[in-house]
PDB file of N, CA and C in Angstrom:
ATOM      1  N   MET A   1      93.410 108.944 104.605  1.00  0.00           N
ATOM      2  CA  MET A   1      91.642 108.547 104.666  1.00  0.00           C
ATOM      3  C   MET A   1      91.241 108.534 106.000  1.00  0.00           C
ATOM      4  N   LEU A   2      91.802 107.907 106.979  1.00  0.00           N
ATOM      5  CA  LEU A   2      91.258 107.799 108.147  1.00  0.00           C
ATOM      6  C   LEU A   2      91.502 108.756 109.137  1.00  0.00           C
ATOM      7  N   PHE A   3      92.388 109.925 108.749  1.00  0.00           N
ATOM      8  CA  PHE A   3      92.331 111.619 108.944  1.00  0.00           C
ATOM      9  C   PHE A   3      91.475 111.994 108.557  1.00  0.00           C
ATOM     10  N   HIS A   4      90.749 112.162 107.404  1.00  0.00           N
ATOM     11  CA  HIS A   4      90.337 112.964 106.850  1.00  0.00           C
ATOM     12  C   HIS A   4      88.348 112.449 107.647  1.00  0.00           C
ATOM     13  N   LEU A   5      88.404 111.539 107.497  1.00  0.00           N
ATOM     14  CA  LEU A   5      87.053 110.549 108.511  1.00  0.00           C
ATOM     15  C   LEU A   5      86.964 110.654 109.633  1.00  0.00           C
ATOM     16  N   SER A   6      87.918 111.104 110.630  1.00  0.00           N
ATOM     17  CA  SER A   6      88.055 111.355 112.023  1.00  0.00           C
ATOM     18  C   SER A   6      87.580 112.611 112.082  1.00  0.00           C
ATOM     19  N   LYS A   7      88.281 113.928 111.690  1.00  0.00           N
ATOM     20  CA  LYS A   7      87.662 114.601 111.240  1.00  0.00           C
ATOM     21  C   LYS A   7      86.282 115.197 111.160  1.00  0.00           C
ATOM     22  N   PHE A   8      85.797 114.531 110.188  1.00  0.00           N
ATOM     23  CA  PHE A   8      84.794 114.747 109.586  1.00  0.00           C
ATOM     24  C   PHE A   8      83.549 113.931 111.000  1.00  0.00           C
ATOM     25  N   VAL A   9      84.034 113.300 111.331  1.00  0.00           N
ATOM     26  CA  VAL A   9      82.960 112.571 112.649  1.00  0.00           C
ATOM     27  C   VAL A   9      83.524 113.625 113.165  1.00  0.00           C
ATOM     28  N   SER A  10      84.367 114.465 113.795  1.00  0.00           N
ATOM     29  CA  SER A  10      84.898 115.315 115.266  1.00  0.00           C
ATOM     30  C   SER A  10      83.592 116.303 114.947  1.00  0.00           C
ATOM     31  N   VAL A  11      83.919 116.967 113.313  1.00  0.00           N
ATOM     32  CA  VAL A  11      83.041 118.723 113.045  1.00  0.00           C
ATOM     33  C   VAL A  11      81.309 118.074 113.555  1.00  0.00           C
ATOM     34  N   PHE A  12      81.149 116.874 112.845  1.00  0.00           N
ATOM     35  CA  PHE A  12      79.958 116.438 112.859  1.00  0.00           C
ATOM     36  C   PHE A  12      79.174 116.081 114.503  1.00  0.00           C
ATOM     37  N   LEU A  13      80.161 115.885 115.221  1.00  0.00           N
ATOM     38  CA  LEU A  13      79.603 115.798 116.588  1.00  0.00           C
ATOM     39  C   LEU A  13      79.513 117.005 116.913  1.00  0.00           C
ATOM     40  N   VAL A  14      80.455 118.118 116.978  1.00  0.00           N
ATOM     41  CA  VAL A  14      80.504 119.325 117.311  1.00  0.00           C
ATOM     42  C   VAL A  14      78.796 119.864 116.994  1.00  0.00           C
ATOM     43  N   LEU A  15      78.542 120.041 115.790  1.00  0.00           N
ATOM     44  CA  LEU A  15      77.403 120.795 114.910  1.00  0.00           C
ATOM     45  C   LEU A  15      76.489 119.866 115.616  1.00  0.00           C
ATOM     46  N   THR A  16      76.317 118.811 115.880  1.00  0.00           N
ATOM     47  CA  THR A  16      74.996 118.136 116.640  1.00  0.00           C
ATOM     48  C   THR A  16      74.660 118.291 117.731  1.00  0.00           C
ATOM     49  N   ILE A  17      76.070 118.969 118.820  1.00  0.00           N
ATOM     50  CA  ILE A  17      75.880 119.150 119.871  1.00  0.00           C
ATOM     51  C   ILE A  17      75.418 120.643 120.241  1.00  0.00           C
ATOM     52  N   PHE A  18      75.842 121.595 119.595  1.00  0.00           N
ATOM     53  CA  PHE A  18      75.828 123.119 119.589  1.00  0.00           C
ATOM     54  C   PHE A  18      74.840 123.425 119.154  1.00  0.00           C
ATOM     55  N   LEU A  19      74.218 123.372 117.733  1.00  0.00           N
ATOM     56  CA  LEU A  19      73.381 123.448 116.952  1.00  0.00           C
ATOM     57  C   LEU A  19      71.949 123.535 117.758  1.00  0.00           C
ATOM     58  N   PRO A  20      71.534 122.168 117.766  1.00  0.00           N
ATOM     59  CA  PRO A  20      70.063 122.509 118.660  1.00  0.00           C
ATOM     60  C   PRO A  20      69.749 123.815 119.307  1.00  0.00           C
ATOM     61  N   GLY A  21      71.201 123.992 120.629  1.00  0.00           N
ATOM     62  CA  GLY A  21      71.089 125.258 121.320  1.00  0.00           C
ATOM     63  C   GLY A  21      70.854 126.380 120.825  1.00  0.00           C
ATOM     64  N   CYS A  22      70.820 126.452 119.443  1.00  0.00           N
ATOM     65  CA  CYS A  22      70.483 128.023 118.504  1.00  0.00           C
ATOM     66  C   CYS A  22      69.399 127.909 117.649  1.00  0.00           C
ATOM     67  N   ALA A  23      68.900 127.006 117.761  1.00  0.00           N
ATOM     68  CA  ALA A  23      67.598 127.209 117.045  1.00  0.00           C
ATOM     69  C   ALA A  23      66.654 127.542 117.413  1.00  0.00           C
ATOM     70  N   THR A  24      65.599 128.435 116.802  1.00  0.00           N
ATOM     71  CA  THR A  24      64.639 128.557 117.289  1.00  0.00           C
ATOM     72  C   THR A  24      63.628 127.901 117.849  1.00  0.00           C
ATOM     73  N   PRO A  25      63.069 128.143 118.909  1.00  0.00           N
ATOM     74  CA  PRO A  25      62.092 127.161 119.629  1.00  0.00           C
ATOM     75  C   PRO A  25      61.173 126.666 118.913  1.00  0.00           C
ATOM     76  N   GLY A  26      60.423 127.715 118.210  1.00  0.00           N
ATOM     77  CA  GLY A  26      59.307 127.584 117.243  1.00  0.00           C
ATOM     78  C   GLY A  26      57.967 127.102 117.852  1.00  0.00           C
ATOM     79  N   PHE A  27      56.283 127.539 117.103  1.00  0.00           N
ATOM     80  CA  PHE A  27      55.308 127.735 117.981  1.00  0.00           C
ATOM     81  C   PHE A  27      54.838 126.106 118.328  1.00  0.00           C
ATOM     82  N   THR A  28      54.411 126.340 119.885  1.00  0.00           N
ATOM     83  CA  THR A  28      53.623 124.745 120.333  1.00  0.00           C
ATOM     84  C   THR A  28      52.850 125.794 121.342  1.00  0.00           C
ATOM     85  N   TYR A  29      52.145 124.595 121.900  1.00  0.00           N
ATOM     86  CA  TYR A  29      51.273 125.465 123.042  1.00  0.00           C
ATOM     87  C   TYR A  29      52.118 126.240 124.056  1.00  0.00           C
ATOM     88  N   SER A  30      52.985 124.919 124.317  1.00  0.00           N
ATOM     89  CA  SER A  30      53.856 125.236 125.761  1.00  0.00           C
ATOM     90  C   SER A  30      54.716 126.396 125.583  1.00  0.00           C
ATOM     91  N   SER A  31      55.038 126.877 124.466  1.00  0.00           N
ATOM     92  CA  SER A  31      56.018 127.946 124.187  1.00  0.00           C
ATOM     93  C   SER A  31      54.492 129.298 124.285  1.00  0.00           C
ATOM     94  N   PHE A  32      53.575 128.744 123.536  1.00  0.00           N
ATOM     95  CA  PHE A  32      52.747 129.932 123.536  1.00  0.00           C
ATOM     96  C   PHE A  32      52.120 130.295 124.745  1.00  0.00           C
ATOM     97  N   THR A  33      52.234 129.493 126.004  1.00  0.00           N
ATOM     98  CA  THR A  33      52.154 129.949 127.876  1.00  0.00           C
ATOM     99  C   THR A  33      52.881 130.649 128.263  1.00  0.00           C
ATOM    100  N   LYS A  34      54.346 130.752 127.516  1.00  0.00           N
ATOM    101  CA  LYS A  34      55.482 131.392 128.052  1.00  0.00           C
ATOM    102  C   LYS A  34      55.104 132.927 127.821  1.00  0.00           C
ATOM    103  N   VAL A  35      53.960 133.287 126.908  1.00  0.00           N
ATOM    104  CA  VAL A  35      54.013 134.570 126.126  1.00  0.00           C
ATOM    105  C   VAL A  35      53.344 135.286 127.613  1.00  0.00           C
ATOM    106  N   GLN A  36      53.685 136.518 128.050  1.00  0.00           N
ATOM    107  CA  GLN A  36      53.284 137.352 128.439  1.00  0.00           C
ATOM    108  C   GLN A  36      52.713 139.096 128.903  1.00  0.00           C
ATOM    109  N   GLU A  37      51.736 139.530 129.068  1.00  0.00           N
ATOM    110  CA  GLU A  37      50.910 141.057 129.029  1.00  0.00           C
ATOM    111  C   GLU A  37      52.665 141.574 129.199  1.00  0.00           C
ATOM    112  N   GLY A  38      53.345 142.252 127.914  1.00  0.00           N
ATOM    113  CA  GLY A  38      53.810 143.559 128.007  1.00  0.00           C
ATOM    114  C   GLY A  38      55.475 143.331 127.606  1.00  0.00           C
ATOM    115  N   MET A  39      55.447 141.731 127.331  1.00  0.00           N
ATOM    116  CA  MET A  39      56.652 141.687 126.499  1.00  0.00           C
ATOM    117  C   MET A  39      56.377 142.397 124.788  1.00  0.00           C
ATOM    118  N   THR A  40      58.030 142.528 124.537  1.00  0.00           N
ATOM    119  CA  THR A  40      57.863 143.232 123.144  1.00  0.00           C
ATOM    120  C   THR A  40      57.372 142.433 121.952  1.00  0.00           C
ATOM    121  N   GLU A  41      56.922 142.747 120.644  1.00  0.00           N
ATOM    122  CA  GLU A  41      57.475 141.790 119.527  1.00  0.00           C
ATOM    123  C   GLU A  41      58.040 141.049 119.973  1.00  0.00           C
ATOM    124  N   GLU A  42      59.828 141.556 119.520  1.00  0.00           N
ATOM    125  CA  GLU A  42      61.112 141.068 119.400  1.00  0.00           C
ATOM    126  C   GLU A  42      61.238 139.411 120.383  1.00  0.00           C
ATOM    127  N   GLU A  43      60.610 140.291 122.035  1.00  0.00           N
ATOM    128  CA  GLU A  43      61.199 138.828 122.651  1.00  0.00           C
ATOM    129  C   GLU A  43      59.392 137.567 122.526  1.00  0.00           C
ATOM    130  N   VAL A  44      58.667 138.083 121.710  1.00  0.00           N
ATOM    131  CA  VAL A  44      57.953 137.131 121.581  1.00  0.00           C
ATOM    132  C   VAL A  44      58.200 136.301 120.265  1.00  0.00           C
ATOM    133  N   ILE A  45      58.746 136.994 118.973  1.00  0.00           N
ATOM    134  CA  ILE A  45      58.762 136.128 117.699  1.00  0.00           C
ATOM    135  C   ILE A  45      60.225 135.587 118.211  1.00  0.00           C
ATOM    136  N   ARG A  46      61.284 135.449 118.984  1.00  0.00           N
ATOM    137  CA  ARG A  46      62.101 135.058 119.778  1.00  0.00           C
ATOM    138  C   ARG A  46      61.780 133.479 120.597  1.00  0.00           C
ATOM    139  N   LEU A  47      60.457 133.666 120.894  1.00  0.00           N
ATOM    140  CA  LEU A  47      59.822 132.687 121.839  1.00  0.00           C
ATOM    141  C   LEU A  47      59.156 131.852 120.839  1.00  0.00           C
ATOM    142  N   LEU A  48      58.799 132.405 120.039  1.00  0.00           N
ATOM    143  CA  LEU A  48      57.571 131.734 118.676  1.00  0.00           C
ATOM    144  C   LEU A  48      57.858 131.409 117.504  1.00  0.00           C
ATOM    145  N   GLY A  49      59.185 131.980 117.450  1.00  0.00           N
ATOM    146  CA  GLY A  49      59.549 131.569 115.708  1.00  0.00           C
ATOM    147  C   GLY A  49      58.977 133.187 115.021  1.00  0.00           C
ATOM    148  N   GLU A  50      59.079 132.625 113.615  1.00  0.00           N
ATOM    149  CA  GLU A  50      58.448 133.736 112.487  1.00  0.00           C
ATOM    150  C   GLU A  50      56.960 133.477 112.698  1.00  0.00           C
ATOM    151  N   PRO A  51      55.999 134.566 112.776  1.00  0.00           N
ATOM    152  CA  PRO A  51      54.685 134.316 112.540  1.00  0.00           C
ATOM    153  C   PRO A  51      54.006 134.013 111.591  1.00  0.00           C
ATOM    154  N   THR A  52      52.931 133.336 111.228  1.00  0.00           N
ATOM    155  CA  THR A  52      52.299 132.798 110.208  1.00  0.00           C
ATOM    156  C   THR A  52      51.441 134.118 109.130  1.00  0.00           C
ATOM    157  N   ASP A  53      50.932 135.431 109.676  1.00  0.00           N
ATOM    158  CA  ASP A  53      50.383 136.390 109.468  1.00  0.00           C
ATOM    159  C   ASP A  53      50.449 137.709 110.119  1.00  0.00           C
ATOM    160  N   VAL A  54      50.789 139.074 109.721  1.00  0.00           N
ATOM    161  CA  VAL A  54      51.010 139.780 110.101  1.00  0.00           C
ATOM    162  C   VAL A  54      50.213 140.850 110.064  1.00  0.00           C
ATOM    163  N   THR A  55      49.221 141.578 110.396  1.00  0.00           N
ATOM    164  CA  THR A  55      48.975 143.023 110.070  1.00  0.00           C
ATOM    165  C   THR A  55      48.929 144.113 111.471  1.00  0.00           C
ATOM    166  N   SER A  56      48.767 145.319 110.706  1.00  0.00           N
ATOM    167  CA  SER A  56      49.673 146.633 111.497  1.00  0.00           C
ATOM    168  C   SER A  56      48.867 147.738 111.010  1.00  0.00           C
ATOM    169  N   GLY A  57      48.512 148.717 112.106  1.00  0.00           N
ATOM    170  CA  GLY A  57      47.905 149.770 112.009  1.00  0.00           C
ATOM    171  C   GLY A  57      47.949 150.832 112.646  1.00  0.00           C
ATOM    172  N   SER A  58      47.923 151.977 112.281  1.00  0.00           N
ATOM    173  CA  SER A  58      47.913 153.167 113.360  1.00  0.00           C
ATOM    174  C   SER A  58      46.902 154.128 113.208  1.00  0.00           C
ATOM    175  N   VAL A  59      46.599 154.535 113.568  1.00  0.00           N
ATOM    176  CA  VAL A  59      45.394 155.768 113.902  1.00  0.00           C
ATOM    177  C   VAL A  59      46.241 157.308 114.610  1.00  0.00           C
ATOM    178  N   THR A  60      45.717 158.411 113.985  1.00  0.00           N
ATOM    179  CA  THR A  60      46.233 159.746 114.598  1.00  0.00           C
ATOM    180  C   THR A  60      45.039 160.283 115.587  1.00  0.00           C
ATOM    181  N   THR A  61      44.775 160.136 116.510  1.00  0.00           N
ATOM    182  CA  THR A  61      43.827 160.873 117.198  1.00  0.00           C
ATOM    183  C   THR A  61      44.008 162.305 117.387  1.00  0.00           C
ATOM    184  N   GLY A  62      44.779 163.188 116.744  1.00  0.00           N
ATOM    185  CA  GLY A  62      44.463 164.868 116.766  1.00  0.00           C
ATOM    186  C   GLY A  62      44.577 165.240 117.933  1.00  0.00           C
ATOM    187  N   GLY A  63      43.992 166.381 118.453  1.00  0.00           N
ATOM    188  CA  GLY A  63      44.771 167.436 119.179  1.00  0.00           C
ATOM    189  C   GLY A  63      43.537 166.747 120.518  1.00  0.00           C
ATOM    190  N   ILE A  64      42.391 165.496 120.955  1.00  0.00           N
ATOM    191  CA  ILE A  64      42.207 165.314 121.902  1.00  0.00           C
ATOM    192  C   ILE A  64      42.967 164.388 122.105  1.00  0.00           C
ATOM    193  N   GLY A  65      43.441 163.425 121.322  1.00  0.00           N
ATOM    194  CA  GLY A  65      44.561 162.595 121.836  1.00  0.00           C
ATOM    195  C   GLY A  65      46.098 163.671 122.737  1.00  0.00           C
ATOM    196  N   ALA A  66      46.264 164.154 122.058  1.00  0.00           N
ATOM    197  CA  ALA A  66      47.497 164.801 122.722  1.00  0.00           C
ATOM    198  C   ALA A  66      47.069 165.116 124.121  1.00  0.00           C
ATOM    199  N   LEU A  67      45.974 165.329 124.179  1.00  0.00           N
ATOM    200  CA  LEU A  67      45.154 166.092 125.676  1.00  0.00           C
ATOM    201  C   LEU A  67      45.887 165.193 126.452  1.00  0.00           C
ATOM    202  N   PHE A  68      45.920 163.803 126.224  1.00  0.00           N
ATOM    203  CA  PHE A  68      46.117 162.537 126.948  1.00  0.00           C
ATOM    204  C   PHE A  68      47.619 161.732 126.783  1.00  0.00           C
ATOM    205  N   GLY A  69      48.012 162.511 125.850  1.00  0.00           N
ATOM    206  CA  GLY A  69      49.422 161.875 125.846  1.00  0.00           C
ATOM    207  C   GLY A  69      49.592 160.875 124.756  1.00  0.00           C
ATOM    208  N   ILE A  70      48.544 160.870 124.105  1.00  0.00           N
ATOM    209  CA  ILE A  70      48.381 159.470 122.891  1.00  0.00           C
ATOM    210  C   ILE A  70      47.920 160.013 121.279  1.00  0.00           C
ATOM    211  N   GLU A  71      49.043 160.817 120.992  1.00  0.00           N
ATOM    212  CA  GLU A  71      48.480 161.330 119.891  1.00  0.00           C
ATOM    213  C   GLU A  71      48.551 160.007 118.361  1.00  0.00           C
ATOM    214  N   ASN A  72      49.115 159.271 118.446  1.00  0.00           N
ATOM    215  CA  ASN A  72      49.064 158.065 117.862  1.00  0.00           C
ATOM    216  C   ASN A  72      48.939 156.240 118.394  1.00  0.00           C
ATOM    217  N   LEU A  73      48.476 155.960 118.046  1.00  0.00           N
ATOM    218  CA  LEU A  73      47.629 154.891 118.340  1.00  0.00           C
ATOM    219  C   LEU A  73      48.364 153.873 117.496  1.00  0.00           C
ATOM    220  N   SER A  74      49.057 152.943 117.908  1.00  0.00           N
ATOM    221  CA  SER A  74      49.545 152.053 116.874  1.00  0.00           C
ATOM    222  C   SER A  74      49.035 150.677 117.819  1.00  0.00           C
ATOM    223  N   GLY A  75      48.757 149.442 116.710  1.00  0.00           N
ATOM    224  CA  GLY A  75      49.120 148.205 117.140  1.00  0.00           C
ATOM    225  C   GLY A  75      49.269 147.008 116.279  1.00  0.00           C
ATOM    226  N   THR A  76      49.765 146.086 116.480  1.00  0.00           N
ATOM    227  CA  THR A  76      50.173 144.751 115.346  1.00  0.00           C
ATOM    228  C   THR A  76      48.953 143.399 116.235  1.00  0.00           C
ATOM    229  N   ASN A  77      48.801 142.649 114.832  1.00  0.00           N
ATOM    230  CA  ASN A  77      47.980 141.641 115.249  1.00  0.00           C
ATOM    231  C   ASN A  77      49.359 140.184 114.690  1.00  0.00           C
ATOM    232  N   MET A  78      49.753 139.577 115.068  1.00  0.00           N
ATOM    233  CA  MET A  78      50.248 138.162 114.862  1.00  0.00           C
ATOM    234  C   MET A  78      49.694 137.002 115.199  1.00  0.00           C
ATOM    235  N   ILE A  79      49.855 136.356 114.477  1.00  0.00           N
ATOM    236  CA  ILE A  79      49.130 135.084 114.464  1.00  0.00           C
ATOM    237  C   ILE A  79      50.000 134.054 113.796  1.00  0.00           C
ATOM    238  N   TRP A  80      49.983 132.485 114.672  1.00  0.00           N
ATOM    239  CA  TRP A  80      50.850 131.464 114.170  1.00  0.00           C
ATOM    240  C   TRP A  80      50.082 130.436 113.860  1.00  0.00           C
ATOM    241  N   LYS A  81      50.324 129.423 113.188  1.00  0.00           N
ATOM    242  CA  LYS A  81      48.993 128.513 112.878  1.00  0.00           C
ATOM    243  C   LYS A  81      50.162 127.082 112.370  1.00  0.00           C
ATOM    244  N   THR A  82      49.694 126.151 113.414  1.00  0.00           N
ATOM    245  CA  THR A  82      49.952 124.792 113.168  1.00  0.00           C
ATOM    246  C   THR A  82      48.935 123.766 112.661  1.00  0.00           C
ATOM    247  N   ALA A  83      49.289 122.587 112.245  1.00  0.00           N
ATOM    248  CA  ALA A  83      48.023 121.805 112.256  1.00  0.00           C
ATOM    249  C   ALA A  83      47.387 121.545 113.504  1.00  0.00           C
ATOM    250  N   ASP A  84      47.977 121.671 114.811  1.00  0.00           N
ATOM    251  CA  ASP A  84      47.459 121.643 115.828  1.00  0.00           C
ATOM    252  C   ASP A  84      47.097 122.533 116.551  1.00  0.00           C
ATOM    253  N   GLY A  85      47.006 124.134 116.289  1.00  0.00           N
ATOM    254  CA  GLY A  85      46.464 124.685 117.155  1.00  0.00           C
ATOM    255  C   GLY A  85      46.564 126.307 116.104  1.00  0.00           C
ATOM    256  N   LYS A  86      46.184 127.454 116.565  1.00  0.00           N
ATOM    257  CA  LYS A  86      46.370 129.000 116.111  1.00  0.00           C
ATOM    258  C   LYS A  86      46.398 129.972 117.732  1.00  0.00           C
ATOM    259  N   ALA A  87      47.446 130.539 117.529  1.00  0.00           N
ATOM    260  CA  ALA A  87      47.745 131.542 118.179  1.00  0.00           C
ATOM    261  C   ALA A  87      47.432 133.356 117.611  1.00  0.00           C
ATOM    262  N   ASN A  88      46.837 133.792 118.218  1.00  0.00           N
ATOM    263  CA  ASN A  88      46.697 135.194 118.576  1.00  0.00           C
ATOM    264  C   ASN A  88      47.125 136.035 119.153  1.00  0.00           C
ATOM    265  N   ILE A  89      48.145 137.253 118.651  1.00  0.00           N
ATOM    266  CA  ILE A  89      48.641 137.865 119.725  1.00  0.00           C
ATOM    267  C   ILE A  89      48.610 139.473 119.284  1.00  0.00           C
ATOM    268  N   LEU A  90      48.136 140.169 119.846  1.00  0.00           N
ATOM    269  CA  LEU A  90      47.505 141.824 120.016  1.00  0.00           C
ATOM    270  C   LEU A  90      48.563 142.291 120.322  1.00  0.00           C
ATOM    271  N   PHE A  91      49.502 142.986 120.211  1.00  0.00           N
ATOM    272  CA  PHE A  91      50.597 143.956 120.624  1.00  0.00           C
ATOM    273  C   PHE A  91      49.937 145.744 120.690  1.00  0.00           C
ATOM    274  N   PHE A  92      50.059 146.234 121.551  1.00  0.00           N
ATOM    275  CA  PHE A  92      50.176 147.577 121.314  1.00  0.00           C
ATOM    276  C   PHE A  92      50.910 148.648 121.649  1.00  0.00           C
ATOM    277  N   ARG A  93      51.106 149.812 120.911  1.00  0.00           N
ATOM    278  CA  ARG A  93      52.607 150.246 120.933  1.00  0.00           C
ATOM    279  C   ARG A  93      53.616 149.182 120.884  1.00  0.00           C
ATOM    280  N   GLY A  94      53.952 147.567 120.681  1.00  0.00           N
ATOM    281  CA  GLY A  94      54.948 147.438 120.008  1.00  0.00           C
ATOM    282  C   GLY A  94      54.495 146.184 121.627  1.00  0.00           C
ATOM    283  N   LYS A  95      53.861 146.060 121.946  1.00  0.00           N
ATOM    284  CA  LYS A  95      54.075 145.711 123.418  1.00  0.00           C
ATOM    285  C   LYS A  95      52.841 144.521 123.480  1.00  0.00           C
ATOM    286  N   VAL A  96      53.138 143.197 124.312  1.00  0.00           N
ATOM    287  CA  VAL A  96      51.789 142.062 123.766  1.00  0.00           C
ATOM    288  C   VAL A  96      50.386 143.009 125.049  1.00  0.00           C
ATOM    289  N   LYS A  97      49.296 142.923 123.989  1.00  0.00           N
ATOM    290  CA  LYS A  97      48.047 143.370 125.144  1.00  0.00           C
ATOM    291  C   LYS A  97      47.302 142.302 125.517  1.00  0.00           C
ATOM    292  N   THR A  98      47.049 141.010 124.345  1.00  0.00           N
ATOM    293  CA  THR A  98      45.951 140.190 124.493  1.00  0.00           C
ATOM    294  C   THR A  98      46.933 139.295 123.711  1.00  0.00           C
ATOM    295  N   LYS A  99      46.344 138.047 124.397  1.00  0.00           N
ATOM    296  CA  LYS A  99      46.514 136.577 123.090  1.00  0.00           C
ATOM    297  C   LYS A  99      45.138 135.357 123.680  1.00  0.00           C
ATOM    298  N   SER A 100      45.435 134.818 122.648  1.00  0.00           N
ATOM    299  CA  SER A 100      44.252 133.830 122.671  1.00  0.00           C
ATOM    300  C   SER A 100      45.030 132.188 121.508  1.00  0.00           C
ATOM    301  N   PHE A 101      44.366 131.161 122.163  1.00  0.00           N
ATOM    302  CA  PHE A 101      45.094 130.054 121.480  1.00  0.00           C
ATOM    303  C   PHE A 101      43.680 129.485 121.013  1.00  0.00           C
ATOM    304  N   THR A 102      43.408 128.230 120.081  1.00  0.00           N
ATOM    305  CA  THR A 102      42.642 127.795 119.880  1.00  0.00           C
ATOM    306  C   THR A 102      43.030 126.522 118.837  1.00  0.00           C
ATOM    307  N   ASN A 103      42.340 125.627 119.547  1.00  0.00           N
ATOM    308  CA  ASN A 103      42.941 124.208 118.915  1.00  0.00           C
ATOM    309  C   ASN A 103      42.006 123.999 117.689  1.00  0.00           C
ATOM    310  N   GLN A 104      42.741 123.302 116.592  1.00  0.00           N
ATOM    311  CA  GLN A 104      41.985 123.221 115.167  1.00  0.00           C
ATOM    312  C   GLN A 104      41.682 122.211 115.320  1.00  0.00           C
ATOM    313  N   PHE A 105      40.944 121.427 115.795  1.00  0.00           N
ATOM    314  CA  PHE A 105      40.872 120.000 115.599  1.00  0.00           C
ATOM    315  C   PHE A 105      39.353 120.077 114.883  1.00  0.00           C
TER     316      PHE A 105
END
């Protein structure tokens, strides 16, 4: 019985030490300030966790856009909400273009 208890304690200690390092940091103002223009959607999600809301869209520009090398424009708006604040990040072609944070007091 004592052997099983010490084995359980050992496994518990290992999980307690190593699992927090694997967790997603999650959305806080501090993590939001680390988001930089040009970061990919995947990088931002890794930093902030899964967004609360996502809206995507794309527009085909036709012949005129082809002259400038932009036949298709695509964008995604991701929002993170908590009781303390709301972050809104706009991605253009998969990379951060603008970001904003609002306190919700």
